[in-house]
Amino acid sequence: MALFKRRTVGKPGEWFYCLKHGTVEEGPECRAADRFGPYATREEAAHAMDTARERNLEWETDPKWHDMGKGGEGSKDSKDSKDRKGAPGDGDGA
């Protein structure tokens, strides 16, 4: 017995963009890993790649993604390690 049933027929008005075929489809015709959606309209689904491109650009240029870099200046980890330097009991011999 399967835990999840595969839904083969979409609800009326559900539109998807198939990444594998590069086409708009009503209802899930291709597997979930190969599609974006659901979208409310065929037009929205047709512009799925543009929407994804715009969102990726927004995320790549979002300062919140870059100001807390891995141990770089201004990161919380970097500040914490500076604050702990020389503190009693941290193994510096003091």
N, C-alpha and C. Protein backbone atom coordinates (compact mmCIF):
# COMPACT_ATOMS: atom_id res chain seq x y z
N MET A 1 0.84 -1.18 0.00
CA MET A 1 0.00 0.00 0.00
C MET A 1 0.89 1.24 0.00
N ALA A 2 0.67 2.13 -0.92
CA ALA A 2 1.47 3.34 -1.04
C ALA A 2 1.04 4.36 0.02
N LEU A 3 2.03 5.07 0.55
CA LEU A 3 1.73 6.10 1.53
C LEU A 3 1.12 7.33 0.87
N PHE A 4 1.59 7.62 -0.32
CA PHE A 4 1.10 8.81 -1.03
C PHE A 4 0.54 8.37 -2.37
N LYS A 5 -0.64 8.85 -2.67
CA LYS A 5 -1.24 8.53 -3.97
C LYS A 5 -0.79 9.59 -4.97
N ARG A 6 -0.41 9.15 -6.12
CA ARG A 6 -0.01 10.08 -7.17
C ARG A 6 -1.26 10.64 -7.83
N ARG A 7 -1.35 11.94 -7.80
CA ARG A 7 -2.49 12.60 -8.40
C ARG A 7 -2.20 12.76 -9.88
N THR A 8 -2.97 12.11 -10.69
CA THR A 8 -2.71 12.13 -12.13
C THR A 8 -3.52 13.18 -12.86
N VAL A 9 -4.59 13.63 -12.27
CA VAL A 9 -5.45 14.62 -12.92
C VAL A 9 -5.45 15.87 -12.06
N GLY A 10 -5.17 17.01 -12.69
CA GLY A 10 -5.16 18.27 -11.96
C GLY A 10 -6.55 18.81 -11.73
N LYS A 11 -6.61 19.76 -10.85
CA LYS A 11 -7.88 20.44 -10.63
C LYS A 11 -8.10 21.40 -11.79
N PRO A 12 -9.33 21.65 -12.13
CA PRO A 12 -9.60 22.61 -13.20
C PRO A 12 -8.99 23.97 -12.85
N GLY A 13 -8.30 24.54 -13.80
CA GLY A 13 -7.69 25.85 -13.59
C GLY A 13 -6.28 25.82 -13.04
N GLU A 14 -5.72 24.64 -12.79
CA GLU A 14 -4.33 24.55 -12.34
C GLU A 14 -3.42 24.44 -13.56
N TRP A 15 -2.44 25.32 -13.63
CA TRP A 15 -1.52 25.33 -14.75
C TRP A 15 -0.10 25.14 -14.24
N PHE A 16 0.69 24.43 -15.01
CA PHE A 16 2.07 24.13 -14.65
C PHE A 16 3.00 24.44 -15.82
N TYR A 17 4.27 24.67 -15.50
CA TYR A 17 5.27 24.83 -16.54
C TYR A 17 6.20 23.63 -16.43
N CYS A 18 6.30 22.82 -17.48
CA CYS A 18 7.15 21.64 -17.49
C CYS A 18 8.56 22.04 -17.89
N LEU A 19 9.49 21.83 -16.98
CA LEU A 19 10.90 22.17 -17.23
C LEU A 19 11.52 21.23 -18.25
N LYS A 20 11.09 19.99 -18.24
CA LYS A 20 11.66 18.98 -19.14
C LYS A 20 11.28 19.26 -20.60
N HIS A 21 10.03 19.59 -20.82
CA HIS A 21 9.54 19.79 -22.18
C HIS A 21 9.47 21.26 -22.59
N GLY A 22 9.57 22.18 -21.60
CA GLY A 22 9.47 23.60 -21.90
C GLY A 22 8.09 24.02 -22.35
N THR A 23 7.08 23.36 -21.81
CA THR A 23 5.70 23.65 -22.22
C THR A 23 4.80 23.94 -21.03
N VAL A 24 3.69 24.58 -21.30
CA VAL A 24 2.67 24.83 -20.30
C VAL A 24 1.67 23.68 -20.38
N GLU A 25 1.26 23.18 -19.23
CA GLU A 25 0.30 22.07 -19.21
C GLU A 25 -0.77 22.34 -18.17
N GLU A 26 -1.97 21.92 -18.46
CA GLU A 26 -3.06 22.04 -17.49
C GLU A 26 -3.11 20.75 -16.70
N GLY A 27 -3.00 20.90 -15.40
CA GLY A 27 -2.94 19.70 -14.56
C GLY A 27 -1.54 19.12 -14.60
N PRO A 28 -1.19 18.34 -13.58
CA PRO A 28 0.15 17.78 -13.54
C PRO A 28 0.31 16.60 -14.51
N GLU A 29 0.88 16.86 -15.67
CA GLU A 29 1.12 15.78 -16.63
C GLU A 29 2.50 15.16 -16.41
N CYS A 30 3.48 15.97 -16.06
CA CYS A 30 4.84 15.48 -15.81
C CYS A 30 5.09 15.39 -14.31
N ARG A 31 6.16 14.71 -13.94
CA ARG A 31 6.45 14.51 -12.52
C ARG A 31 6.77 15.85 -11.84
N ALA A 32 6.55 15.92 -10.54
CA ALA A 32 6.69 17.16 -9.78
C ALA A 32 8.08 17.76 -9.87
N ALA A 33 9.11 16.93 -9.90
CA ALA A 33 10.48 17.43 -9.97
C ALA A 33 10.77 18.16 -11.28
N ASP A 34 9.95 17.94 -12.29
CA ASP A 34 10.16 18.53 -13.61
C ASP A 34 9.22 19.69 -13.92
N ARG A 35 8.58 20.25 -12.90
CA ARG A 35 7.62 21.31 -13.22
C ARG A 35 7.59 22.38 -12.15
N PHE A 36 7.16 23.57 -12.56
CA PHE A 36 6.87 24.68 -11.66
C PHE A 36 5.35 24.81 -11.61
N GLY A 37 4.83 25.19 -10.46
CA GLY A 37 3.40 25.42 -10.38
C GLY A 37 2.81 24.81 -9.13
N PRO A 38 1.53 24.92 -8.95
CA PRO A 38 0.52 25.36 -9.90
C PRO A 38 0.41 26.88 -9.97
N TYR A 39 -0.02 27.33 -11.12
CA TYR A 39 -0.30 28.74 -11.38
C TYR A 39 -1.80 28.88 -11.63
N ALA A 40 -2.31 30.07 -11.36
CA ALA A 40 -3.75 30.31 -11.51
C ALA A 40 -4.17 30.43 -12.97
N THR A 41 -3.25 30.90 -13.82
CA THR A 41 -3.61 31.09 -15.22
C THR A 41 -2.54 30.50 -16.14
N ARG A 42 -2.93 30.25 -17.36
CA ARG A 42 -2.00 29.75 -18.37
C ARG A 42 -0.88 30.78 -18.61
N GLU A 43 -1.26 32.05 -18.60
CA GLU A 43 -0.31 33.15 -18.81
C GLU A 43 0.79 33.15 -17.74
N GLU A 44 0.40 33.00 -16.48
CA GLU A 44 1.38 32.95 -15.39
C GLU A 44 2.34 31.78 -15.58
N ALA A 45 1.79 30.63 -15.94
CA ALA A 45 2.62 29.44 -16.15
C ALA A 45 3.58 29.65 -17.32
N ALA A 46 3.13 30.35 -18.36
CA ALA A 46 3.98 30.60 -19.52
C ALA A 46 5.17 31.47 -19.16
N HIS A 47 5.04 32.30 -18.13
CA HIS A 47 6.12 33.19 -17.71
C HIS A 47 6.87 32.65 -16.49
N ALA A 48 6.75 31.36 -16.22
CA ALA A 48 7.37 30.77 -15.03
C ALA A 48 8.88 30.95 -15.01
N MET A 49 9.54 30.78 -16.14
CA MET A 49 11.00 30.91 -16.18
C MET A 49 11.42 32.35 -15.94
N ASP A 50 10.67 33.31 -16.46
CA ASP A 50 10.96 34.72 -16.21
C ASP A 50 10.80 35.05 -14.73
N THR A 51 9.72 34.54 -14.14
CA THR A 51 9.48 34.76 -12.72
C THR A 51 10.60 34.17 -11.88
N ALA A 52 11.03 32.96 -12.20
CA ALA A 52 12.12 32.32 -11.47
C ALA A 52 13.42 33.12 -11.62
N ARG A 53 13.70 33.58 -12.83
CA ARG A 53 14.90 34.37 -13.10
C ARG A 53 14.90 35.66 -12.28
N GLU A 54 13.75 36.34 -12.22
CA GLU A 54 13.62 37.58 -11.45
C GLU A 54 13.82 37.32 -9.95
N ARG A 55 13.22 36.25 -9.45
CA ARG A 55 13.36 35.92 -8.02
C ARG A 55 14.80 35.56 -7.69
N ASN A 56 15.45 34.80 -8.55
CA ASN A 56 16.85 34.45 -8.32
C ASN A 56 17.72 35.70 -8.24
N LEU A 57 17.49 36.65 -9.14
CA LEU A 57 18.24 37.89 -9.14
C LEU A 57 18.00 38.67 -7.85
N GLU A 58 16.75 38.72 -7.40
CA GLU A 58 16.44 39.40 -6.14
C GLU A 58 17.18 38.76 -4.98
N TRP A 59 17.19 37.44 -4.92
CA TRP A 59 17.86 36.74 -3.82
C TRP A 59 19.37 36.91 -3.90
N GLU A 60 19.94 36.88 -5.10
CA GLU A 60 21.38 37.02 -5.25
C GLU A 60 21.86 38.41 -4.87
N THR A 61 21.01 39.42 -5.03
CA THR A 61 21.40 40.78 -4.72
C THR A 61 20.85 41.25 -3.37
N ASP A 62 20.21 40.38 -2.63
CA ASP A 62 19.66 40.73 -1.32
C ASP A 62 20.81 40.83 -0.32
N PRO A 63 21.01 41.99 0.30
CA PRO A 63 22.13 42.14 1.23
C PRO A 63 22.06 41.21 2.44
N LYS A 64 20.87 40.78 2.82
CA LYS A 64 20.76 39.86 3.96
C LYS A 64 21.45 38.52 3.68
N TRP A 65 21.59 38.14 2.41
CA TRP A 65 22.25 36.88 2.06
C TRP A 65 23.76 37.01 2.13
N HIS A 66 24.28 38.25 2.07
CA HIS A 66 25.72 38.42 1.95
C HIS A 66 26.38 39.10 3.14
N ASP A 67 25.65 39.78 4.01
CA ASP A 67 26.30 40.52 5.07
C ASP A 67 26.74 39.65 6.24
N MET A 68 26.23 38.46 6.35
CA MET A 68 26.62 37.57 7.43
C MET A 68 27.39 36.38 6.87
N GLY A 69 28.34 36.66 6.01
CA GLY A 69 29.12 35.61 5.36
C GLY A 69 29.87 34.74 6.35
N LYS A 70 30.37 33.64 5.89
CA LYS A 70 31.01 32.62 6.71
C LYS A 70 32.27 33.17 7.39
N GLY A 71 32.10 33.72 8.59
CA GLY A 71 33.24 34.18 9.38
C GLY A 71 33.86 35.47 8.88
N GLY A 72 33.26 36.12 7.89
CA GLY A 72 33.81 37.35 7.35
C GLY A 72 33.56 38.52 8.28
N GLU A 73 34.11 39.68 7.95
CA GLU A 73 33.89 40.88 8.74
C GLU A 73 32.40 41.15 8.88
N GLY A 74 32.01 41.49 10.06
CA GLY A 74 30.61 41.82 10.29
C GLY A 74 29.75 40.62 10.60
N SER A 75 30.30 39.42 10.54
CA SER A 75 29.46 38.26 10.83
C SER A 75 29.40 38.02 12.32
N LYS A 76 28.35 37.42 12.77
CA LYS A 76 28.16 37.13 14.18
C LYS A 76 29.25 36.21 14.70
N ASP A 77 29.63 35.17 13.94
CA ASP A 77 30.65 34.23 14.37
C ASP A 77 31.99 34.92 14.56
N SER A 78 32.33 35.83 13.65
CA SER A 78 33.58 36.54 13.73
C SER A 78 33.61 37.40 14.98
N LYS A 79 32.52 38.11 15.29
CA LYS A 79 32.44 38.97 16.46
C LYS A 79 32.52 38.15 17.73
N ASP A 80 31.81 37.04 17.80
CA ASP A 80 31.83 36.19 18.99
C ASP A 80 33.23 35.68 19.27
N SER A 81 33.96 35.28 18.26
CA SER A 81 35.29 34.74 18.48
C SER A 81 36.23 35.83 18.97
N LYS A 82 36.05 37.10 18.52
CA LYS A 82 36.87 38.21 19.00
C LYS A 82 36.55 38.50 20.46
N ASP A 83 35.26 38.45 20.82
CA ASP A 83 34.86 38.74 22.19
C ASP A 83 35.38 37.71 23.17
N ARG A 84 35.51 36.47 22.75
CA ARG A 84 35.95 35.40 23.64
C ARG A 84 37.46 35.34 23.77
N LYS A 85 38.19 35.97 22.90
CA LYS A 85 39.64 35.91 22.89
C LYS A 85 40.19 36.40 24.22
N GLY A 86 40.99 35.57 24.87
CA GLY A 86 41.62 35.98 26.12
C GLY A 86 40.73 35.85 27.34
N ALA A 87 39.54 35.33 27.20
CA ALA A 87 38.65 35.17 28.35
C ALA A 87 39.16 34.06 29.24
N PRO A 88 39.02 34.21 30.58
CA PRO A 88 39.49 33.16 31.51
C PRO A 88 38.86 31.82 31.19
N GLY A 89 39.67 30.78 31.24
CA GLY A 89 39.17 29.44 31.03
C GLY A 89 39.06 29.03 29.58
N ASP A 90 39.59 29.84 28.66
CA ASP A 90 39.48 29.46 27.25
C ASP A 90 40.75 28.82 26.73
N GLY A 91 41.68 28.50 27.62
CA GLY A 91 42.88 27.77 27.21
C GLY A 91 44.04 28.65 26.79
N ASP A 92 43.98 29.95 27.12
CA ASP A 92 45.08 30.82 26.73
C ASP A 92 46.15 30.96 27.80
N GLY A 93 45.96 30.26 28.92
CA GLY A 93 46.94 30.27 29.99
C GLY A 93 46.72 31.36 31.00
N ALA A 94 45.70 32.15 30.87
CA ALA A 94 45.45 33.24 31.81
C ALA A 94 44.67 32.76 33.00
